[in-house]
Amino acid sequence: MELRQLESLIKLIDCNFSVSKAADEMFLVQSTVSQHLKKLEQELGTDLFIRRGKRLIGMTPIGDQVVKHARVTLASVKSIRAIGQDHINQDEGILRVCKPSRRDDLGATVEAGIQY
């Protein structure tokens, strides 16, 4: 099982079971998303979708369970990636150096600051 299969599954649901819209939003071709979904069903050995002809119209009860776990898994992956990104960026940040406002000779407020 691959993350991209789970991502395709969730995107498909978010796009109201439109494979072409899911593919567009993922910057993939429709056949790739269809392959992801087919391989996921093959690996699990069961149908995840309710079909009307070739069209996907909903989730089977097993499909609903898989979706719940897929959402949790993808959220965990996002958290893990954030941890890695925080580690990479730990030496980066914003330093602001400012001095208090003052009034110039004409009475206007002047602020000075430098941002690094």
PDB file of N, CA and C in Angstrom:
ATOM      1  N   MET A   1       0.847  -1.178   0.000  1.00  0.00           N
ATOM      2  CA  MET A   1       0.000   0.000   0.000  1.00  0.00           C
ATOM      3  C   MET A   1       0.892   1.241   0.000  1.00  0.00           C
ATOM      4  N   GLU A   2       0.512   2.198  -0.800  1.00  0.00           N
ATOM      5  CA  GLU A   2       1.302   3.413  -0.929  1.00  0.00           C
ATOM      6  C   GLU A   2       0.489   4.624  -0.506  1.00  0.00           C
ATOM      7  N   LEU A   3       1.192   5.629  -0.013  1.00  0.00           N
ATOM      8  CA  LEU A   3       0.508   6.853   0.423  1.00  0.00           C
ATOM      9  C   LEU A   3      -0.265   7.498  -0.712  1.00  0.00           C
ATOM     10  N   ARG A   4       0.280   7.451  -1.908  1.00  0.00           N
ATOM     11  CA  ARG A   4      -0.405   8.090  -3.028  1.00  0.00           C
ATOM     12  C   ARG A   4      -1.744   7.425  -3.316  1.00  0.00           C
ATOM     13  N   GLN A   5      -1.868   6.143  -3.015  1.00  0.00           N
ATOM     14  CA  GLN A   5      -3.156   5.470  -3.166  1.00  0.00           C
ATOM     15  C   GLN A   5      -4.166   6.023  -2.161  1.00  0.00           C
ATOM     16  N   LEU A   6      -3.713   6.204  -0.939  1.00  0.00           N
ATOM     17  CA  LEU A   6      -4.595   6.771   0.096  1.00  0.00           C
ATOM     18  C   LEU A   6      -4.941   8.221  -0.222  1.00  0.00           C
ATOM     19  N   GLU A   7      -3.969   8.960  -0.722  1.00  0.00           N
ATOM     20  CA  GLU A   7      -4.232  10.352  -1.116  1.00  0.00           C
ATOM     21  C   GLU A   7      -5.256  10.414  -2.245  1.00  0.00           C
ATOM     22  N   SER A   8      -5.154   9.518  -3.201  1.00  0.00           N
ATOM     23  CA  SER A   8      -6.116   9.472  -4.300  1.00  0.00           C
ATOM     24  C   SER A   8      -7.506   9.119  -3.783  1.00  0.00           C
ATOM     25  N   LEU A   9      -7.572   8.197  -2.854  1.00  0.00           N
ATOM     26  CA  LEU A   9      -8.844   7.803  -2.252  1.00  0.00           C
ATOM     27  C   LEU A   9      -9.530   8.985  -1.582  1.00  0.00           C
ATOM     28  N   ILE A  10      -8.798   9.698  -0.750  1.00  0.00           N
ATOM     29  CA  ILE A  10      -9.370  10.836  -0.016  1.00  0.00           C
ATOM     30  C   ILE A  10      -9.736  11.965  -0.978  1.00  0.00           C
ATOM     31  N   LYS A  11      -8.889  12.229  -1.944  1.00  0.00           N
ATOM     32  CA  LYS A  11      -9.182  13.297  -2.908  1.00  0.00           C
ATOM     33  C   LYS A  11     -10.431  12.951  -3.712  1.00  0.00           C
ATOM     34  N   LEU A  12     -10.593  11.691  -4.076  1.00  0.00           N
ATOM     35  CA  LEU A  12     -11.774  11.258  -4.814  1.00  0.00           C
ATOM     36  C   LEU A  12     -13.044  11.560  -4.012  1.00  0.00           C
ATOM     37  N   ILE A  13     -13.029  11.255  -2.754  1.00  0.00           N
ATOM     38  CA  ILE A  13     -14.194  11.521  -1.900  1.00  0.00           C
ATOM     39  C   ILE A  13     -14.431  13.018  -1.794  1.00  0.00           C
ATOM     40  N   ASP A  14     -13.358  13.773  -1.606  1.00  0.00           N
ATOM     41  CA  ASP A  14     -13.480  15.228  -1.504  1.00  0.00           C
ATOM     42  C   ASP A  14     -14.015  15.854  -2.795  1.00  0.00           C
ATOM     43  N   CYS A  15     -13.836  15.151  -3.910  1.00  0.00           N
ATOM     44  CA  CYS A  15     -14.310  15.630  -5.219  1.00  0.00           C
ATOM     45  C   CYS A  15     -15.609  14.938  -5.636  1.00  0.00           C
ATOM     46  N   ASN A  16     -16.353  14.455  -4.656  1.00  0.00           N
ATOM     47  CA  ASN A  16     -17.660  13.828  -4.917  1.00  0.00           C
ATOM     48  C   ASN A  16     -17.586  12.682  -5.931  1.00  0.00           C
ATOM     49  N   PHE A  17     -16.558  11.865  -5.784  1.00  0.00           N
ATOM     50  CA  PHE A  17     -16.368  10.662  -6.595  1.00  0.00           C
ATOM     51  C   PHE A  17     -16.104  10.948  -8.068  1.00  0.00           C
ATOM     52  N   SER A  18     -15.629  12.139  -8.368  1.00  0.00           N
ATOM     53  CA  SER A  18     -15.240  12.474  -9.732  1.00  0.00           C
ATOM     54  C   SER A  18     -13.742  12.197  -9.890  1.00  0.00           C
ATOM     55  N   VAL A  19     -13.430  11.130 -10.618  1.00  0.00           N
ATOM     56  CA  VAL A  19     -12.030  10.753 -10.806  1.00  0.00           C
ATOM     57  C   VAL A  19     -11.287  11.831 -11.585  1.00  0.00           C
ATOM     58  N   SER A  20     -11.945  12.407 -12.590  1.00  0.00           N
ATOM     59  CA  SER A  20     -11.265  13.428 -13.388  1.00  0.00           C
ATOM     60  C   SER A  20     -10.983  14.684 -12.561  1.00  0.00           C
ATOM     61  N   LYS A  21     -11.917  15.092 -11.718  1.00  0.00           N
ATOM     62  CA  LYS A  21     -11.673  16.266 -10.872  1.00  0.00           C
ATOM     63  C   LYS A  21     -10.585  15.977  -9.844  1.00  0.00           C
ATOM     64  N   ALA A  22     -10.611  14.790  -9.261  1.00  0.00           N
ATOM     65  CA  ALA A  22      -9.568  14.408  -8.307  1.00  0.00           C
ATOM     66  C   ALA A  22      -8.201  14.435  -8.981  1.00  0.00           C
ATOM     67  N   ALA A  23      -8.143  13.899 -10.187  1.00  0.00           N
ATOM     68  CA  ALA A  23      -6.876  13.886 -10.936  1.00  0.00           C
ATOM     69  C   ALA A  23      -6.397  15.310 -11.198  1.00  0.00           C
ATOM     70  N   ASP A  24      -7.293  16.179 -11.621  1.00  0.00           N
ATOM     71  CA  ASP A  24      -6.922  17.572 -11.883  1.00  0.00           C
ATOM     72  C   ASP A  24      -6.358  18.236 -10.632  1.00  0.00           C
ATOM     73  N   GLU A  25      -7.011  18.036  -9.518  1.00  0.00           N
ATOM     74  CA  GLU A  25      -6.567  18.678  -8.277  1.00  0.00           C
ATOM     75  C   GLU A  25      -5.245  18.117  -7.765  1.00  0.00           C
ATOM     76  N   MET A  26      -4.933  16.880  -8.175  1.00  0.00           N
ATOM     77  CA  MET A  26      -3.676  16.261  -7.758  1.00  0.00           C
ATOM     78  C   MET A  26      -2.588  16.424  -8.818  1.00  0.00           C
ATOM     79  N   PHE A  27      -2.921  17.116  -9.913  1.00  0.00           N
ATOM     80  CA  PHE A  27      -1.988  17.303 -11.027  1.00  0.00           C
ATOM     81  C   PHE A  27      -1.536  15.968 -11.610  1.00  0.00           C
ATOM     82  N   LEU A  28      -2.502  15.054 -11.749  1.00  0.00           N
ATOM     83  CA  LEU A  28      -2.265  13.744 -12.336  1.00  0.00           C
ATOM     84  C   LEU A  28      -3.245  13.545 -13.478  1.00  0.00           C
ATOM     85  N   VAL A  29      -3.001  12.518 -14.265  1.00  0.00           N
ATOM     86  CA  VAL A  29      -3.983  12.161 -15.285  1.00  0.00           C
ATOM     87  C   VAL A  29      -4.991  11.199 -14.665  1.00  0.00           C
ATOM     88  N   GLN A  30      -6.159  11.169 -15.254  1.00  0.00           N
ATOM     89  CA  GLN A  30      -7.250  10.371 -14.720  1.00  0.00           C
ATOM     90  C   GLN A  30      -6.875   8.889 -14.586  1.00  0.00           C
ATOM     91  N   SER A  31      -6.163   8.375 -15.570  1.00  0.00           N
ATOM     92  CA  SER A  31      -5.801   6.950 -15.540  1.00  0.00           C
ATOM     93  C   SER A  31      -4.900   6.614 -14.349  1.00  0.00           C
ATOM     94  N   THR A  32      -4.070   7.556 -13.939  1.00  0.00           N
ATOM     95  CA  THR A  32      -3.192   7.317 -12.786  1.00  0.00           C
ATOM     96  C   THR A  32      -4.010   7.190 -11.510  1.00  0.00           C
ATOM     97  N   VAL A  33      -4.968   8.090 -11.314  1.00  0.00           N
ATOM     98  CA  VAL A  33      -5.823   8.016 -10.125  1.00  0.00           C
ATOM     99  C   VAL A  33      -6.623   6.714 -10.149  1.00  0.00           C
ATOM    100  N   SER A  34      -7.142   6.358 -11.300  1.00  0.00           N
ATOM    101  CA  SER A  34      -7.892   5.103 -11.425  1.00  0.00           C
ATOM    102  C   SER A  34      -7.023   3.905 -11.069  1.00  0.00           C
ATOM    103  N   GLN A  35      -5.766   3.935 -11.508  1.00  0.00           N
ATOM    104  CA  GLN A  35      -4.825   2.855 -11.168  1.00  0.00           C
ATOM    105  C   GLN A  35      -4.588   2.779  -9.666  1.00  0.00           C
ATOM    106  N   HIS A  36      -4.402   3.940  -9.034  1.00  0.00           N
ATOM    107  CA  HIS A  36      -4.187   3.962  -7.585  1.00  0.00           C
ATOM    108  C   HIS A  36      -5.348   3.277  -6.871  1.00  0.00           C
ATOM    109  N   LEU A  37      -6.562   3.628  -7.270  1.00  0.00           N
ATOM    110  CA  LEU A  37      -7.749   3.100  -6.610  1.00  0.00           C
ATOM    111  C   LEU A  37      -7.909   1.605  -6.881  1.00  0.00           C
ATOM    112  N   LYS A  38      -7.647   1.199  -8.116  1.00  0.00           N
ATOM    113  CA  LYS A  38      -7.755  -0.214  -8.476  1.00  0.00           C
ATOM    114  C   LYS A  38      -6.742  -1.046  -7.706  1.00  0.00           C
ATOM    115  N   LYS A  39      -5.502  -0.573  -7.632  1.00  0.00           N
ATOM    116  CA  LYS A  39      -4.461  -1.306  -6.909  1.00  0.00           C
ATOM    117  C   LYS A  39      -4.781  -1.397  -5.420  1.00  0.00           C
ATOM    118  N   LEU A  40      -5.352  -0.340  -4.871  1.00  0.00           N
ATOM    119  CA  LEU A  40      -5.734  -0.365  -3.454  1.00  0.00           C
ATOM    120  C   LEU A  40      -6.802  -1.427  -3.220  1.00  0.00           C
ATOM    121  N   GLU A  41      -7.805  -1.470  -4.076  1.00  0.00           N
ATOM    122  CA  GLU A  41      -8.850  -2.491  -3.940  1.00  0.00           C
ATOM    123  C   GLU A  41      -8.267  -3.896  -4.116  1.00  0.00           C
ATOM    124  N   GLN A  42      -7.369  -4.061  -5.069  1.00  0.00           N
ATOM    125  CA  GLN A  42      -6.752  -5.373  -5.292  1.00  0.00           C
ATOM    126  C   GLN A  42      -5.945  -5.810  -4.080  1.00  0.00           C
ATOM    127  N   GLU A  43      -5.193  -4.882  -3.530  1.00  0.00           N
ATOM    128  CA  GLU A  43      -4.363  -5.225  -2.374  1.00  0.00           C
ATOM    129  C   GLU A  43      -5.215  -5.612  -1.173  1.00  0.00           C
ATOM    130  N   LEU A  44      -6.331  -4.915  -1.000  1.00  0.00           N
ATOM    131  CA  LEU A  44      -7.210  -5.212   0.131  1.00  0.00           C
ATOM    132  C   LEU A  44      -8.132  -6.400  -0.150  1.00  0.00           C
ATOM    133  N   GLY A  45      -8.263  -6.753  -1.420  1.00  0.00           N
ATOM    134  CA  GLY A  45      -9.065  -7.913  -1.785  1.00  0.00           C
ATOM    135  C   GLY A  45     -10.560  -7.694  -1.674  1.00  0.00           C
ATOM    136  N   THR A  46     -11.000  -6.449  -1.763  1.00  0.00           N
ATOM    137  CA  THR A  46     -12.429  -6.151  -1.651  1.00  0.00           C
ATOM    138  C   THR A  46     -12.763  -4.859  -2.381  1.00  0.00           C
ATOM    139  N   ASP A  47     -14.032  -4.726  -2.731  1.00  0.00           N
ATOM    140  CA  ASP A  47     -14.490  -3.483  -3.344  1.00  0.00           C
ATOM    141  C   ASP A  47     -14.635  -2.409  -2.271  1.00  0.00           C
ATOM    142  N   LEU A  48     -14.119  -1.230  -2.567  1.00  0.00           N
ATOM    143  CA  LEU A  48     -14.262  -0.095  -1.654  1.00  0.00           C
ATOM    144  C   LEU A  48     -15.392   0.829  -2.095  1.00  0.00           C
ATOM    145  N   PHE A  49     -15.772   0.722  -3.366  1.00  0.00           N
ATOM    146  CA  PHE A  49     -16.720   1.667  -3.954  1.00  0.00           C
ATOM    147  C   PHE A  49     -18.005   0.988  -4.389  1.00  0.00           C
ATOM    148  N   ILE A  50     -19.074   1.739  -4.292  1.00  0.00           N
ATOM    149  CA  ILE A  50     -20.329   1.348  -4.919  1.00  0.00           C
ATOM    150  C   ILE A  50     -20.265   1.899  -6.335  1.00  0.00           C
ATOM    151  N   ARG A  51     -20.562   1.042  -7.304  1.00  0.00           N
ATOM    152  CA  ARG A  51     -20.444   1.429  -8.703  1.00  0.00           C
ATOM    153  C   ARG A  51     -21.795   1.349  -9.397  1.00  0.00           C
ATOM    154  N   ARG A  52     -21.975   2.232 -10.326  1.00  0.00           N
ATOM    155  CA  ARG A  52     -23.098   2.166 -11.269  1.00  0.00           C
ATOM    156  C   ARG A  52     -22.448   2.157 -12.640  1.00  0.00           C
ATOM    157  N   GLY A  53     -22.350   0.975 -13.222  1.00  0.00           N
ATOM    158  CA  GLY A  53     -21.575   0.818 -14.447  1.00  0.00           C
ATOM    159  C   GLY A  53     -20.107   1.037 -14.107  1.00  0.00           C
ATOM    160  N   LYS A  54     -19.471   1.934 -14.833  1.00  0.00           N
ATOM    161  CA  LYS A  54     -18.071   2.270 -14.543  1.00  0.00           C
ATOM    162  C   LYS A  54     -17.952   3.431 -13.572  1.00  0.00           C
ATOM    163  N   ARG A  55     -19.075   4.038 -13.250  1.00  0.00           N
ATOM    164  CA  ARG A  55     -19.058   5.239 -12.410  1.00  0.00           C
ATOM    165  C   ARG A  55     -19.056   4.890 -10.920  1.00  0.00           C
ATOM    166  N   LEU A  56     -18.224   5.596 -10.163  1.00  0.00           N
ATOM    167  CA  LEU A  56     -18.181   5.433  -8.713  1.00  0.00           C
ATOM    168  C   LEU A  56     -19.216   6.377  -8.107  1.00  0.00           C
ATOM    169  N   ILE A  57     -20.093   5.822  -7.252  1.00  0.00           N
ATOM    170  CA  ILE A  57     -21.160   6.660  -6.697  1.00  0.00           C
ATOM    171  C   ILE A  57     -21.164   6.709  -5.173  1.00  0.00           C
ATOM    172  N   GLY A  58     -20.340   5.906  -4.523  1.00  0.00           N
ATOM    173  CA  GLY A  58     -20.301   5.914  -3.067  1.00  0.00           C
ATOM    174  C   GLY A  58     -19.304   4.904  -2.544  1.00  0.00           C
ATOM    175  N   MET A  59     -19.312   4.768  -1.232  1.00  0.00           N
ATOM    176  CA  MET A  59     -18.396   3.848  -0.566  1.00  0.00           C
ATOM    177  C   MET A  59     -19.168   2.658  -0.014  1.00  0.00           C
ATOM    178  N   THR A  60     -18.552   1.487  -0.079  1.00  0.00           N
ATOM    179  CA  THR A  60     -19.096   0.321   0.602  1.00  0.00           C
ATOM    180  C   THR A  60     -18.833   0.498   2.102  1.00  0.00           C
ATOM    181  N   PRO A  61     -19.476  -0.291   2.959  1.00  0.00           N
ATOM    182  CA  PRO A  61     -19.177  -0.195   4.402  1.00  0.00           C
ATOM    183  C   PRO A  61     -17.693  -0.418   4.713  1.00  0.00           C
ATOM    184  N   ILE A  62     -17.083  -1.367   4.016  1.00  0.00           N
ATOM    185  CA  ILE A  62     -15.643  -1.594   4.208  1.00  0.00           C
ATOM    186  C   ILE A  62     -14.862  -0.379   3.717  1.00  0.00           C
ATOM    187  N   GLY A  63     -15.285   0.195   2.606  1.00  0.00           N
ATOM    188  CA  GLY A  63     -14.643   1.394   2.073  1.00  0.00           C
ATOM    189  C   GLY A  63     -14.701   2.540   3.070  1.00  0.00           C
ATOM    190  N   ASP A  64     -15.833   2.689   3.752  1.00  0.00           N
ATOM    191  CA  ASP A  64     -15.947   3.740   4.780  1.00  0.00           C
ATOM    192  C   ASP A  64     -14.928   3.543   5.897  1.00  0.00           C
ATOM    193  N   GLN A  65     -14.726   2.290   6.294  1.00  0.00           N
ATOM    194  CA  GLN A  65     -13.732   2.012   7.336  1.00  0.00           C
ATOM    195  C   GLN A  65     -12.328   2.344   6.856  1.00  0.00           C
ATOM    196  N   VAL A  66     -12.035   1.986   5.618  1.00  0.00           N
ATOM    197  CA  VAL A  66     -10.713   2.267   5.047  1.00  0.00           C
ATOM    198  C   VAL A  66     -10.486   3.774   4.987  1.00  0.00           C
ATOM    199  N   VAL A  67     -11.519   4.528   4.602  1.00  0.00           N
ATOM    200  CA  VAL A  67     -11.402   5.989   4.510  1.00  0.00           C
ATOM    201  C   VAL A  67     -11.062   6.588   5.869  1.00  0.00           C
ATOM    202  N   LYS A  68     -11.715   6.128   6.923  1.00  0.00           N
ATOM    203  CA  LYS A  68     -11.420   6.646   8.272  1.00  0.00           C
ATOM    204  C   LYS A  68      -9.953   6.437   8.618  1.00  0.00           C
ATOM    205  N   HIS A  69      -9.461   5.247   8.342  1.00  0.00           N
ATOM    206  CA  HIS A  69      -8.050   4.964   8.645  1.00  0.00           C
ATOM    207  C   HIS A  69      -7.114   5.724   7.711  1.00  0.00           C
ATOM    208  N   ALA A  70      -7.508   5.903   6.472  1.00  0.00           N
ATOM    209  CA  ALA A  70      -6.676   6.649   5.524  1.00  0.00           C
ATOM    210  C   ALA A  70      -6.529   8.097   5.975  1.00  0.00           C
ATOM    211  N   ARG A  71      -7.611   8.698   6.450  1.00  0.00           N
ATOM    212  CA  ARG A  71      -7.539  10.093   6.922  1.00  0.00           C
ATOM    213  C   ARG A  71      -6.595  10.214   8.115  1.00  0.00           C
ATOM    214  N   VAL A  72      -6.687   9.274   9.046  1.00  0.00           N
ATOM    215  CA  VAL A  72      -5.802   9.290  10.219  1.00  0.00           C
ATOM    216  C   VAL A  72      -4.352   9.095   9.780  1.00  0.00           C
ATOM    217  N   THR A  73      -4.141   8.155   8.882  1.00  0.00           N
ATOM    218  CA  THR A  73      -2.783   7.871   8.394  1.00  0.00           C
ATOM    219  C   THR A  73      -2.185   9.083   7.706  1.00  0.00           C
ATOM    220  N   LEU A  74      -2.949   9.733   6.829  1.00  0.00           N
ATOM    221  CA  LEU A  74      -2.427  10.903   6.116  1.00  0.00           C
ATOM    222  C   LEU A  74      -2.191  12.076   7.060  1.00  0.00           C
ATOM    223  N   ALA A  75      -3.026  12.220   8.082  1.00  0.00           N
ATOM    224  CA  ALA A  75      -2.797  13.269   9.086  1.00  0.00           C
ATOM    225  C   ALA A  75      -1.506  12.990   9.853  1.00  0.00           C
ATOM    226  N   SER A  76      -1.260  11.729  10.169  1.00  0.00           N
ATOM    227  CA  SER A  76      -0.021  11.357  10.861  1.00  0.00           C
ATOM    228  C   SER A  76       1.199  11.629   9.996  1.00  0.00           C
ATOM    229  N   VAL A  77       1.088  11.299   8.725  1.00  0.00           N
ATOM    230  CA  VAL A  77       2.195  11.559   7.792  1.00  0.00           C
ATOM    231  C   VAL A  77       2.479  13.058   7.727  1.00  0.00           C
ATOM    232  N   LYS A  78       1.428  13.851   7.685  1.00  0.00           N
ATOM    233  CA  LYS A  78       1.599  15.314   7.656  1.00  0.00           C
ATOM    234  C   LYS A  78       2.324  15.790   8.914  1.00  0.00           C
ATOM    235  N   SER A  79       1.966  15.232  10.059  1.00  0.00           N
ATOM    236  CA  SER A  79       2.636  15.603  11.313  1.00  0.00           C
ATOM    237  C   SER A  79       4.104  15.192  11.313  1.00  0.00           C
ATOM    238  N   ILE A  80       4.368  14.012  10.803  1.00  0.00           N
ATOM    239  CA  ILE A  80       5.756  13.534  10.740  1.00  0.00           C
ATOM    240  C   ILE A  80       6.581  14.428   9.822  1.00  0.00           C
ATOM    241  N   ARG A  81       6.003  14.804   8.685  1.00  0.00           N
ATOM    242  CA  ARG A  81       6.720  15.706   7.772  1.00  0.00           C
ATOM    243  C   ARG A  81       6.967  17.057   8.422  1.00  0.00           C
ATOM    244  N   ALA A  82       6.024  17.538   9.206  1.00  0.00           N
ATOM    245  CA  ALA A  82       6.189  18.823   9.901  1.00  0.00           C
ATOM    246  C   ALA A  82       7.334  18.746  10.905  1.00  0.00           C
ATOM    247  N   ILE A  83       7.449  17.620  11.580  1.00  0.00           N
ATOM    248  CA  ILE A  83       8.562  17.438  12.527  1.00  0.00           C
ATOM    249  C   ILE A  83       9.888  17.541  11.776  1.00  0.00           C
ATOM    250  N   GLY A  84       9.969  16.865  10.655  1.00  0.00           N
ATOM    251  CA  GLY A  84      11.195  16.927   9.849  1.00  0.00           C
ATOM    252  C   GLY A  84      11.482  18.334   9.371  1.00  0.00           C
ATOM    253  N   GLN A  85      10.448  19.032   8.930  1.00  0.00           N
ATOM    254  CA  GLN A  85      10.616  20.402   8.434  1.00  0.00           C
ATOM    255  C   GLN A  85      11.063  21.332   9.568  1.00  0.00           C
ATOM    256  N   ASP A  86      10.490  21.143  10.760  1.00  0.00           N
ATOM    257  CA  ASP A  86      10.908  21.954  11.915  1.00  0.00           C
ATOM    258  C   ASP A  86      12.391  21.742  12.215  1.00  0.00           C
ATOM    259  N   HIS A  87      12.837  20.505  12.083  1.00  0.00           N
ATOM    260  CA  HIS A  87      14.248  20.205  12.335  1.00  0.00           C
ATOM    261  C   HIS A  87      15.138  20.885  11.298  1.00  0.00           C
ATOM    262  N   ILE A  88      14.724  20.846  10.050  1.00  0.00           N
ATOM    263  CA  ILE A  88      15.504  21.477   8.977  1.00  0.00           C
ATOM    264  C   ILE A  88      15.582  22.980   9.186  1.00  0.00           C
ATOM    265  N   ASN A  89      14.481  23.582   9.612  1.00  0.00           N
ATOM    266  CA  ASN A  89      14.385  25.037   9.719  1.00  0.00           C
ATOM    267  C   ASN A  89      14.699  25.573  11.106  1.00  0.00           C
ATOM    268  N   GLN A  90      15.282  24.773  11.978  1.00  0.00           N
ATOM    269  CA  GLN A  90      15.487  25.241  13.345  1.00  0.00           C
ATOM    270  C   GLN A  90      16.498  26.381  13.445  1.00  0.00           C
ATOM    271  N   ASP A  91      17.335  26.542  12.446  1.00  0.00           N
ATOM    272  CA  ASP A  91      18.299  27.635  12.454  1.00  0.00           C
ATOM    273  C   ASP A  91      17.788  28.862  11.721  1.00  0.00           C
ATOM    274  N   GLU A  92      16.551  28.808  11.252  1.00  0.00           N
ATOM    275  CA  GLU A  92      15.977  29.927  10.524  1.00  0.00           C
ATOM    276  C   GLU A  92      14.939  30.617  11.395  1.00  0.00           C
ATOM    277  N   GLY A  93      14.714  31.867  11.103  1.00  0.00           N
ATOM    278  CA  GLY A  93      13.710  32.626  11.823  1.00  0.00           C
ATOM    279  C   GLY A  93      13.750  34.076  11.390  1.00  0.00           C
ATOM    280  N   ILE A  94      12.976  34.885  12.065  1.00  0.00           N
ATOM    281  CA  ILE A  94      12.939  36.316  11.762  1.00  0.00           C
ATOM    282  C   ILE A  94      13.485  37.067  12.965  1.00  0.00           C
ATOM    283  N   LEU A  95      14.404  37.950  12.694  1.00  0.00           N
ATOM    284  CA  LEU A  95      14.950  38.835  13.723  1.00  0.00           C
ATOM    285  C   LEU A  95      14.532  40.247  13.350  1.00  0.00           C
ATOM    286  N   ARG A  96      13.834  40.888  14.242  1.00  0.00           N
ATOM    287  CA  ARG A  96      13.418  42.269  13.991  1.00  0.00           C
ATOM    288  C   ARG A  96      14.164  43.171  14.969  1.00  0.00           C
ATOM    289  N   VAL A  97      14.806  44.162  14.411  1.00  0.00           N
ATOM    290  CA  VAL A  97      15.527  45.132  15.220  1.00  0.00           C
ATOM    291  C   VAL A  97      14.846  46.475  15.003  1.00  0.00           C
ATOM    292  N   CYS A  98      14.294  47.034  16.058  1.00  0.00           N
ATOM    293  CA  CYS A  98      13.572  48.306  15.941  1.00  0.00           C
ATOM    294  C   CYS A  98      13.960  49.207  17.098  1.00  0.00           C
ATOM    295  N   LYS A  99      13.749  50.459  16.881  1.00  0.00           N
ATOM    296  CA  LYS A  99      13.898  51.385  17.984  1.00  0.00           C
ATOM    297  C   LYS A  99      12.560  52.084  18.175  1.00  0.00           C
ATOM    298  N   PRO A 100      12.302  52.605  19.336  1.00  0.00           N
ATOM    299  CA  PRO A 100      11.012  53.224  19.602  1.00  0.00           C
ATOM    300  C   PRO A 100      10.725  54.381  18.648  1.00  0.00           C
ATOM    301  N   SER A 101       9.444  54.636  18.458  1.00  0.00           N
ATOM    302  CA  SER A 101       9.042  55.760  17.612  1.00  0.00           C
ATOM    303  C   SER A 101       9.536  57.065  18.201  1.00  0.00           C
ATOM    304  N   ARG A 102       9.752  58.034  17.334  1.00  0.00           N
ATOM    305  CA  ARG A 102      10.132  59.368  17.798  1.00  0.00           C
ATOM    306  C   ARG A 102       9.426  60.387  16.917  1.00  0.00           C
ATOM    307  N   ARG A 103       9.396  61.595  17.325  1.00  0.00           N
ATOM    308  CA  ARG A 103       8.789  62.656  16.519  1.00  0.00           C
ATOM    309  C   ARG A 103       9.900  63.440  15.832  1.00  0.00           C
ATOM    310  N   ASP A 104       9.683  63.708  14.537  1.00  0.00           N
ATOM    311  CA  ASP A 104      10.682  64.509  13.840  1.00  0.00           C
ATOM    312  C   ASP A 104      10.421  65.992  14.133  1.00  0.00           C
ATOM    313  N   ASP A 105      11.174  66.855  13.501  1.00  0.00           N
ATOM    314  CA  ASP A 105      11.075  68.294  13.755  1.00  0.00           C
ATOM    315  C   ASP A 105       9.697  68.866  13.421  1.00  0.00           C
ATOM    316  N   LEU A 106       8.940  68.183  12.542  1.00  0.00           N
ATOM    317  CA  LEU A 106       7.630  68.680  12.144  1.00  0.00           C
ATOM    318  C   LEU A 106       6.495  68.022  12.942  1.00  0.00           C
ATOM    319  N   GLY A 107       6.825  67.170  13.870  1.00  0.00           N
ATOM    320  CA  GLY A 107       5.811  66.542  14.709  1.00  0.00           C
ATOM    321  C   GLY A 107       5.288  65.215  14.182  1.00  0.00           C
ATOM    322  N   ALA A 108       5.808  64.727  13.050  1.00  0.00           N
ATOM    323  CA  ALA A 108       5.347  63.444  12.513  1.00  0.00           C
ATOM    324  C   ALA A 108       6.060  62.296  13.239  1.00  0.00           C
ATOM    325  N   THR A 109       5.359  61.203  13.384  1.00  0.00           N
ATOM    326  CA  THR A 109       5.947  60.041  14.024  1.00  0.00           C
ATOM    327  C   THR A 109       6.840  59.322  13.022  1.00  0.00           C
ATOM    328  N   VAL A 110       8.034  58.984  13.471  1.00  0.00           N
ATOM    329  CA  VAL A 110       9.000  58.297  12.624  1.00  0.00           C
ATOM    330  C   VAL A 110       9.333  56.983  13.278  1.00  0.00           C
ATOM    331  N   GLU A 111       9.209  55.882  12.520  1.00  0.00           N
ATOM    332  CA  GLU A 111       9.592  54.568  13.047  1.00  0.00           C
ATOM    333  C   GLU A 111      10.740  54.032  12.208  1.00  0.00           C
ATOM    334  N   ALA A 112      11.671  53.420  12.886  1.00  0.00           N
ATOM    335  CA  ALA A 112      12.807  52.824  12.180  1.00  0.00           C
ATOM    336  C   ALA A 112      12.873  51.366  12.530  1.00  0.00           C
ATOM    337  N   GLY A 113      13.212  50.571  11.583  1.00  0.00           N
ATOM    338  CA  GLY A 113      13.339  49.140  11.850  1.00  0.00           C
ATOM    339  C   GLY A 113      14.045  48.442  10.722  1.00  0.00           C
ATOM    340  N   ILE A 114      14.663  47.363  11.079  1.00  0.00           N
ATOM    341  CA  ILE A 114      15.360  46.529  10.110  1.00  0.00           C
ATOM    342  C   ILE A 114      14.910  45.115  10.368  1.00  0.00           C
ATOM    343  N   GLN A 115      14.608  44.382   9.320  1.00  0.00           N
ATOM    344  CA  GLN A 115      14.198  42.993   9.466  1.00  0.00           C
ATOM    345  C   GLN A 115      15.189  42.115   8.729  1.00  0.00           C
ATOM    346  N   TYR A 116      15.682  41.106   9.405  1.00  0.00           N
ATOM    347  CA  TYR A 116      16.612  40.140   8.815  1.00  0.00           C
ATOM    348  C   TYR A 116      15.928  38.805   8.693  1.00  0.00           C
TER     349      TYR A 116
END
